[in-house]
């Protein structure tokens, strides 16, 4: 019963934050290749979740459709293997992992702050890998 209560509390917290994000006037204009922290939320099953009070997770911007929407790939620092993952080095030389199975379109209202930018070579490899998987 305690697990159900903890899960319910997370969903309630996420719902409250989601409402604030939805009605906010904040505007960010992310670009391709940029890496940002975004509020991905408390999701269901194996969907990638955000962490902390803002339910945040780093993502790579694949494409900006217009001022309000982007196609993103969630990132992780935990090692993973398989065709749905790709390692890359960030601008600080640390290894990051792209999770292709969680590609999605999100509102730019979810964006919190920019972390950096992926180098051209890794970005092109990521685009090619995603096309192969689709």
N, C-alpha and C. Protein backbone atom coordinates (compact mmCIF):
# COMPACT_ATOMS: atom_id res chain seq x y z
N UNK A 1 0.82 -1.20 0.00
CA UNK A 1 0.00 0.00 0.00
C UNK A 1 0.86 1.26 0.00
N UNK A 2 2.02 1.21 0.65
CA UNK A 2 2.93 2.36 0.72
C UNK A 2 3.43 2.74 -0.68
N UNK A 3 3.70 1.73 -1.52
CA UNK A 3 4.19 1.99 -2.88
C UNK A 3 3.12 2.74 -3.68
N UNK A 4 1.88 2.34 -3.56
CA UNK A 4 0.79 3.00 -4.26
C UNK A 4 0.69 4.46 -3.83
N UNK A 5 0.84 4.71 -2.53
CA UNK A 5 0.76 6.07 -2.00
C UNK A 5 1.91 6.92 -2.56
N UNK A 6 3.12 6.36 -2.60
CA UNK A 6 4.27 7.10 -3.13
C UNK A 6 4.09 7.43 -4.60
N UNK A 7 3.60 6.47 -5.37
CA UNK A 7 3.36 6.69 -6.80
C UNK A 7 2.29 7.76 -6.99
N UNK A 8 1.21 7.67 -6.23
CA UNK A 8 0.13 8.65 -6.32
C UNK A 8 0.64 10.05 -5.99
N UNK A 9 1.48 10.17 -4.97
CA UNK A 9 2.04 11.47 -4.59
C UNK A 9 2.89 12.06 -5.72
N UNK A 10 3.68 11.20 -6.40
CA UNK A 10 4.49 11.67 -7.53
C UNK A 10 3.60 12.19 -8.66
N UNK A 11 2.54 11.44 -8.96
CA UNK A 11 1.64 11.87 -10.03
C UNK A 11 0.92 13.17 -9.67
N UNK A 12 0.54 13.33 -8.42
CA UNK A 12 -0.11 14.57 -7.99
C UNK A 12 0.88 15.74 -8.12
N UNK A 13 2.12 15.54 -7.68
CA UNK A 13 3.14 16.59 -7.80
C UNK A 13 3.38 16.95 -9.26
N UNK A 14 3.47 15.93 -10.11
CA UNK A 14 3.69 16.18 -11.53
C UNK A 14 2.51 16.92 -12.15
N UNK A 15 1.29 16.53 -11.78
CA UNK A 15 0.11 17.18 -12.33
C UNK A 15 0.07 18.66 -11.96
N UNK A 16 0.39 18.98 -10.72
CA UNK A 16 0.43 20.38 -10.29
C UNK A 16 1.47 21.17 -11.09
N UNK A 17 2.65 20.58 -11.27
CA UNK A 17 3.70 21.26 -12.03
C UNK A 17 3.31 21.38 -13.50
N UNK A 18 2.70 20.34 -14.05
CA UNK A 18 2.29 20.35 -15.46
C UNK A 18 1.31 21.49 -15.73
N UNK A 19 0.40 21.73 -14.80
CA UNK A 19 -0.54 22.84 -14.95
C UNK A 19 0.20 24.17 -14.97
N UNK A 20 1.16 24.34 -14.06
CA UNK A 20 1.95 25.58 -14.02
C UNK A 20 2.73 25.78 -15.32
N UNK A 21 3.31 24.71 -15.83
CA UNK A 21 4.06 24.79 -17.09
C UNK A 21 3.12 25.17 -18.23
N UNK A 22 1.97 24.55 -18.27
CA UNK A 22 1.02 24.78 -19.36
C UNK A 22 0.56 26.24 -19.41
N UNK A 23 0.29 26.84 -18.27
CA UNK A 23 -0.22 28.21 -18.27
C UNK A 23 0.89 29.26 -18.22
N UNK A 24 2.14 28.82 -18.11
CA UNK A 24 3.25 29.78 -18.01
C UNK A 24 3.44 30.53 -19.32
N UNK A 25 4.06 31.66 -19.21
CA UNK A 25 4.37 32.50 -20.38
C UNK A 25 5.83 32.36 -20.79
N UNK A 26 6.58 31.48 -20.12
CA UNK A 26 8.00 31.37 -20.43
C UNK A 26 8.19 30.89 -21.86
N UNK A 27 9.24 31.42 -22.48
CA UNK A 27 9.54 31.07 -23.86
C UNK A 27 11.03 30.80 -24.01
N UNK A 28 11.33 29.65 -24.57
CA UNK A 28 12.69 29.31 -24.94
C UNK A 28 12.67 28.93 -26.42
N UNK A 29 13.78 29.11 -27.08
CA UNK A 29 13.86 28.81 -28.51
C UNK A 29 15.04 27.88 -28.78
N UNK A 30 14.89 26.61 -28.39
CA UNK A 30 15.98 25.65 -28.57
C UNK A 30 16.26 25.41 -30.05
N UNK A 31 17.49 25.02 -30.34
CA UNK A 31 17.93 24.74 -31.70
C UNK A 31 18.44 23.31 -31.80
N UNK A 32 18.50 22.81 -33.03
CA UNK A 32 19.07 21.49 -33.27
C UNK A 32 20.47 21.41 -32.67
N UNK A 33 20.82 20.24 -32.19
CA UNK A 33 22.11 19.89 -31.59
C UNK A 33 22.26 20.35 -30.15
N UNK A 34 21.36 21.20 -29.67
CA UNK A 34 21.49 21.69 -28.30
C UNK A 34 20.99 20.62 -27.31
N UNK A 35 21.60 20.65 -26.13
CA UNK A 35 21.21 19.76 -25.03
C UNK A 35 20.62 20.63 -23.93
N UNK A 36 19.43 20.27 -23.49
CA UNK A 36 18.67 21.05 -22.50
C UNK A 36 18.17 20.15 -21.38
N UNK A 37 17.93 20.76 -20.22
CA UNK A 37 17.12 20.14 -19.18
C UNK A 37 15.68 20.50 -19.50
N UNK A 38 14.79 19.50 -19.49
CA UNK A 38 13.37 19.74 -19.73
C UNK A 38 12.55 19.01 -18.67
N UNK A 39 11.33 19.48 -18.44
CA UNK A 39 10.41 18.81 -17.52
C UNK A 39 9.67 17.73 -18.30
N UNK A 40 10.19 16.48 -18.23
CA UNK A 40 9.53 15.39 -18.94
C UNK A 40 8.38 14.79 -18.15
N UNK A 41 8.44 14.92 -16.85
CA UNK A 41 7.30 14.47 -16.05
C UNK A 41 7.43 13.10 -15.44
N UNK A 42 6.36 12.71 -14.78
CA UNK A 42 6.21 11.38 -14.20
C UNK A 42 5.40 10.59 -15.21
N UNK A 43 6.02 9.64 -15.85
CA UNK A 43 5.37 8.91 -16.93
C UNK A 43 4.99 7.50 -16.51
N UNK A 44 4.45 6.75 -17.43
CA UNK A 44 3.86 5.45 -17.13
C UNK A 44 4.73 4.31 -17.64
N UNK A 45 4.82 3.24 -16.87
CA UNK A 45 5.53 2.03 -17.30
C UNK A 45 7.00 2.30 -17.57
N UNK A 46 7.44 1.92 -18.77
CA UNK A 46 8.86 2.05 -19.11
C UNK A 46 9.21 3.39 -19.75
N UNK A 47 8.22 4.29 -19.82
CA UNK A 47 8.51 5.62 -20.37
C UNK A 47 9.51 6.32 -19.45
N UNK A 48 10.39 7.07 -20.06
CA UNK A 48 11.43 7.79 -19.32
C UNK A 48 10.79 8.86 -18.43
N UNK A 49 11.21 8.94 -17.18
CA UNK A 49 10.73 9.93 -16.22
C UNK A 49 11.75 11.04 -16.04
N UNK A 50 11.25 12.17 -15.55
CA UNK A 50 12.13 13.21 -15.09
C UNK A 50 12.45 12.99 -13.61
N UNK A 51 13.38 13.76 -13.11
CA UNK A 51 13.79 13.62 -11.70
C UNK A 51 13.69 14.97 -10.99
N UNK A 52 13.77 14.93 -9.70
CA UNK A 52 13.75 16.12 -8.85
C UNK A 52 12.38 16.79 -8.84
N UNK A 53 12.32 17.98 -8.26
CA UNK A 53 11.04 18.68 -8.10
C UNK A 53 10.45 19.12 -9.43
N UNK A 54 11.30 19.32 -10.44
CA UNK A 54 10.81 19.77 -11.74
C UNK A 54 10.66 18.61 -12.73
N UNK A 55 10.84 17.38 -12.26
CA UNK A 55 10.71 16.19 -13.10
C UNK A 55 11.54 16.35 -14.37
N UNK A 56 12.80 16.75 -14.17
CA UNK A 56 13.65 17.13 -15.30
C UNK A 56 14.56 16.00 -15.77
N UNK A 57 14.91 16.08 -17.03
CA UNK A 57 15.82 15.12 -17.67
C UNK A 57 16.52 15.86 -18.81
N UNK A 58 17.79 15.52 -19.06
CA UNK A 58 18.46 16.13 -20.21
C UNK A 58 17.98 15.50 -21.50
N UNK A 59 17.88 16.34 -22.54
CA UNK A 59 17.46 15.87 -23.86
C UNK A 59 18.30 16.53 -24.94
N UNK A 60 18.36 15.86 -26.07
CA UNK A 60 18.99 16.40 -27.27
C UNK A 60 17.88 16.88 -28.20
N UNK A 61 18.01 18.10 -28.70
CA UNK A 61 17.03 18.63 -29.65
C UNK A 61 17.41 18.14 -31.04
N UNK A 62 16.55 17.31 -31.63
CA UNK A 62 16.78 16.81 -32.98
C UNK A 62 16.30 17.81 -34.02
N UNK A 63 15.14 18.38 -33.77
CA UNK A 63 14.57 19.32 -34.73
C UNK A 63 13.59 20.23 -34.01
N UNK A 64 13.65 21.50 -34.37
CA UNK A 64 12.64 22.44 -33.89
C UNK A 64 11.63 22.61 -35.01
N UNK A 65 10.38 22.26 -34.74
CA UNK A 65 9.35 22.37 -35.77
C UNK A 65 8.90 23.82 -35.96
N UNK A 66 8.71 24.50 -34.85
CA UNK A 66 8.34 25.92 -34.84
C UNK A 66 8.60 26.42 -33.43
N UNK A 67 8.18 27.61 -33.11
CA UNK A 67 8.51 28.21 -31.81
C UNK A 67 7.97 27.43 -30.63
N UNK A 68 6.95 26.59 -30.84
CA UNK A 68 6.29 25.93 -29.72
C UNK A 68 6.54 24.43 -29.60
N UNK A 69 7.31 23.82 -30.52
CA UNK A 69 7.41 22.36 -30.52
C UNK A 69 8.75 21.88 -31.07
N UNK A 70 9.29 20.84 -30.42
CA UNK A 70 10.57 20.24 -30.82
C UNK A 70 10.49 18.72 -30.79
N UNK A 71 11.31 18.09 -31.62
CA UNK A 71 11.51 16.65 -31.55
C UNK A 71 12.78 16.43 -30.73
N UNK A 72 12.68 15.60 -29.70
CA UNK A 72 13.82 15.41 -28.78
C UNK A 72 14.14 13.94 -28.57
N UNK A 73 15.35 13.70 -28.10
CA UNK A 73 15.79 12.38 -27.65
C UNK A 73 16.26 12.52 -26.21
N UNK A 74 15.68 11.75 -25.27
CA UNK A 74 16.15 11.79 -23.89
C UNK A 74 17.58 11.25 -23.76
N UNK A 75 18.30 11.80 -22.82
CA UNK A 75 19.68 11.40 -22.55
C UNK A 75 19.79 10.81 -21.15
N UNK A 76 20.85 10.05 -20.96
CA UNK A 76 21.12 9.43 -19.66
C UNK A 76 22.62 9.43 -19.43
N UNK A 77 23.02 9.25 -18.19
CA UNK A 77 24.44 9.08 -17.88
C UNK A 77 24.72 7.63 -17.48
N UNK A 78 23.66 6.84 -17.35
CA UNK A 78 23.83 5.43 -16.96
C UNK A 78 24.15 4.59 -18.19
N UNK A 79 25.21 3.78 -18.12
CA UNK A 79 25.59 2.96 -19.28
C UNK A 79 24.48 2.00 -19.71
N UNK A 80 24.25 1.95 -21.02
CA UNK A 80 23.27 1.04 -21.59
C UNK A 80 23.84 0.53 -22.91
N UNK A 81 23.44 -0.68 -23.29
CA UNK A 81 23.91 -1.24 -24.56
C UNK A 81 22.71 -1.68 -25.39
N UNK A 82 22.92 -1.79 -26.67
CA UNK A 82 21.88 -2.24 -27.58
C UNK A 82 21.69 -1.23 -28.70
N UNK A 83 20.90 -1.63 -29.68
CA UNK A 83 20.72 -0.80 -30.86
C UNK A 83 19.89 0.46 -30.59
N UNK A 84 19.20 0.52 -29.45
CA UNK A 84 18.39 1.69 -29.13
C UNK A 84 19.15 2.73 -28.30
N UNK A 85 20.45 2.55 -28.18
CA UNK A 85 21.27 3.48 -27.39
C UNK A 85 22.53 3.85 -28.17
N UNK A 86 23.02 5.06 -27.94
CA UNK A 86 24.27 5.49 -28.55
C UNK A 86 25.05 6.32 -27.54
N UNK A 87 26.31 5.99 -27.37
CA UNK A 87 27.19 6.77 -26.50
C UNK A 87 27.73 7.98 -27.26
N UNK A 88 27.96 9.06 -26.52
CA UNK A 88 28.62 10.24 -27.08
C UNK A 88 29.37 10.92 -25.94
N UNK A 89 30.26 11.82 -26.29
CA UNK A 89 30.98 12.60 -25.26
C UNK A 89 30.44 14.02 -25.28
N UNK A 90 30.11 14.52 -24.08
CA UNK A 90 29.63 15.90 -24.01
C UNK A 90 30.82 16.86 -24.06
N UNK A 91 30.55 18.13 -23.99
CA UNK A 91 31.60 19.14 -24.12
C UNK A 91 32.61 19.11 -22.98
N UNK A 92 32.28 18.40 -21.89
CA UNK A 92 33.20 18.26 -20.76
C UNK A 92 33.97 16.95 -20.80
N UNK A 93 33.76 16.17 -21.88
CA UNK A 93 34.45 14.89 -22.03
C UNK A 93 33.79 13.72 -21.32
N UNK A 94 32.63 13.96 -20.73
CA UNK A 94 31.91 12.89 -20.03
C UNK A 94 31.03 12.13 -21.02
N UNK A 95 30.86 10.84 -20.77
CA UNK A 95 30.05 10.01 -21.67
C UNK A 95 28.57 10.17 -21.33
N UNK A 96 27.78 10.39 -22.37
CA UNK A 96 26.33 10.44 -22.25
C UNK A 96 25.73 9.36 -23.14
N UNK A 97 24.49 9.02 -22.90
CA UNK A 97 23.82 7.97 -23.66
C UNK A 97 22.52 8.54 -24.23
N UNK A 98 22.33 8.36 -25.54
CA UNK A 98 21.08 8.75 -26.20
C UNK A 98 20.15 7.54 -26.18
N UNK A 99 18.89 7.77 -25.83
CA UNK A 99 17.89 6.70 -25.80
C UNK A 99 16.92 6.89 -26.98
N UNK A 100 17.16 6.16 -28.06
CA UNK A 100 16.34 6.30 -29.27
C UNK A 100 14.92 5.78 -29.10
N UNK A 101 14.71 4.85 -28.19
CA UNK A 101 13.37 4.28 -28.02
C UNK A 101 12.39 5.26 -27.41
N UNK A 102 12.88 6.40 -26.91
CA UNK A 102 12.01 7.37 -26.24
C UNK A 102 11.88 8.68 -27.02
N UNK A 103 12.16 8.65 -28.33
CA UNK A 103 12.04 9.86 -29.16
C UNK A 103 10.61 10.39 -29.06
N UNK A 104 10.47 11.70 -28.98
CA UNK A 104 9.13 12.29 -28.86
C UNK A 104 9.13 13.77 -29.21
N UNK A 105 7.96 14.25 -29.49
CA UNK A 105 7.75 15.67 -29.72
C UNK A 105 7.24 16.28 -28.42
N UNK A 106 7.81 17.44 -28.05
CA UNK A 106 7.38 18.09 -26.81
C UNK A 106 7.21 19.59 -27.04
N UNK A 107 6.47 20.21 -26.16
CA UNK A 107 6.29 21.66 -26.18
C UNK A 107 7.56 22.34 -25.68
N UNK A 108 7.87 23.48 -26.26
CA UNK A 108 9.03 24.24 -25.79
C UNK A 108 8.79 24.83 -24.40
N UNK A 109 7.55 24.80 -23.92
CA UNK A 109 7.28 25.26 -22.55
C UNK A 109 7.92 24.34 -21.52
N UNK A 110 8.24 23.10 -21.90
CA UNK A 110 8.87 22.16 -20.97
C UNK A 110 10.35 22.46 -20.74
N UNK A 111 10.97 23.27 -21.59
CA UNK A 111 12.40 23.53 -21.50
C UNK A 111 12.71 24.39 -20.28
N UNK A 112 13.81 24.02 -19.58
CA UNK A 112 14.20 24.70 -18.34
C UNK A 112 15.46 25.53 -18.54
N UNK A 113 16.54 24.86 -18.97
CA UNK A 113 17.81 25.58 -19.18
C UNK A 113 18.70 24.77 -20.12
N UNK A 114 19.51 25.49 -20.88
CA UNK A 114 20.40 24.83 -21.81
C UNK A 114 21.65 24.35 -21.09
N UNK A 115 22.12 23.17 -21.48
CA UNK A 115 23.33 22.58 -20.90
C UNK A 115 24.51 22.82 -21.82
N UNK A 116 24.32 22.58 -23.11
CA UNK A 116 25.41 22.70 -24.06
C UNK A 116 24.96 22.32 -25.45
N UNK A 117 25.92 21.89 -26.24
CA UNK A 117 25.63 21.55 -27.63
C UNK A 117 26.41 20.30 -28.01
N UNK A 118 25.77 19.41 -28.77
CA UNK A 118 26.43 18.20 -29.24
C UNK A 118 27.29 18.55 -30.46
N UNK A 119 28.44 17.88 -30.57
CA UNK A 119 29.29 18.15 -31.73
C UNK A 119 28.64 17.61 -33.00
N UNK A 120 29.05 18.17 -34.13
CA UNK A 120 28.43 17.85 -35.42
C UNK A 120 28.52 16.36 -35.75
N UNK A 121 29.67 15.73 -35.50
CA UNK A 121 29.85 14.32 -35.82
C UNK A 121 28.91 13.41 -35.06
N UNK A 122 28.82 13.61 -33.74
CA UNK A 122 27.91 12.80 -32.93
C UNK A 122 26.45 13.05 -33.31
N UNK A 123 26.12 14.30 -33.61
CA UNK A 123 24.75 14.62 -33.98
C UNK A 123 24.36 13.91 -35.28
N UNK A 124 25.25 13.92 -36.25
CA UNK A 124 24.96 13.24 -37.51
C UNK A 124 24.84 11.73 -37.31
N UNK A 125 25.71 11.15 -36.48
CA UNK A 125 25.60 9.72 -36.15
C UNK A 125 24.26 9.40 -35.51
N UNK A 126 23.80 10.27 -34.62
CA UNK A 126 22.51 10.07 -33.96
C UNK A 126 21.37 10.11 -34.96
N UNK A 127 21.41 11.06 -35.90
CA UNK A 127 20.35 11.15 -36.92
C UNK A 127 20.31 9.90 -37.79
N UNK A 128 21.49 9.42 -38.19
CA UNK A 128 21.58 8.21 -39.02
C UNK A 128 21.05 7.00 -38.26
N UNK A 129 21.46 6.86 -36.99
CA UNK A 129 21.00 5.72 -36.18
C UNK A 129 19.49 5.74 -36.01
N UNK A 130 18.92 6.93 -35.75
CA UNK A 130 17.47 7.01 -35.58
C UNK A 130 16.76 6.62 -36.87
N UNK A 131 17.24 7.08 -38.00
CA UNK A 131 16.62 6.72 -39.28
C UNK A 131 16.64 5.20 -39.50
N UNK A 132 17.72 4.55 -39.12
CA UNK A 132 17.81 3.09 -39.25
C UNK A 132 16.75 2.39 -38.38
N UNK A 133 16.53 2.93 -37.20
CA UNK A 133 15.58 2.31 -36.27
C UNK A 133 14.14 2.54 -36.65
N UNK A 134 13.88 3.61 -37.39
CA UNK A 134 12.51 3.90 -37.81
C UNK A 134 12.21 3.15 -39.06
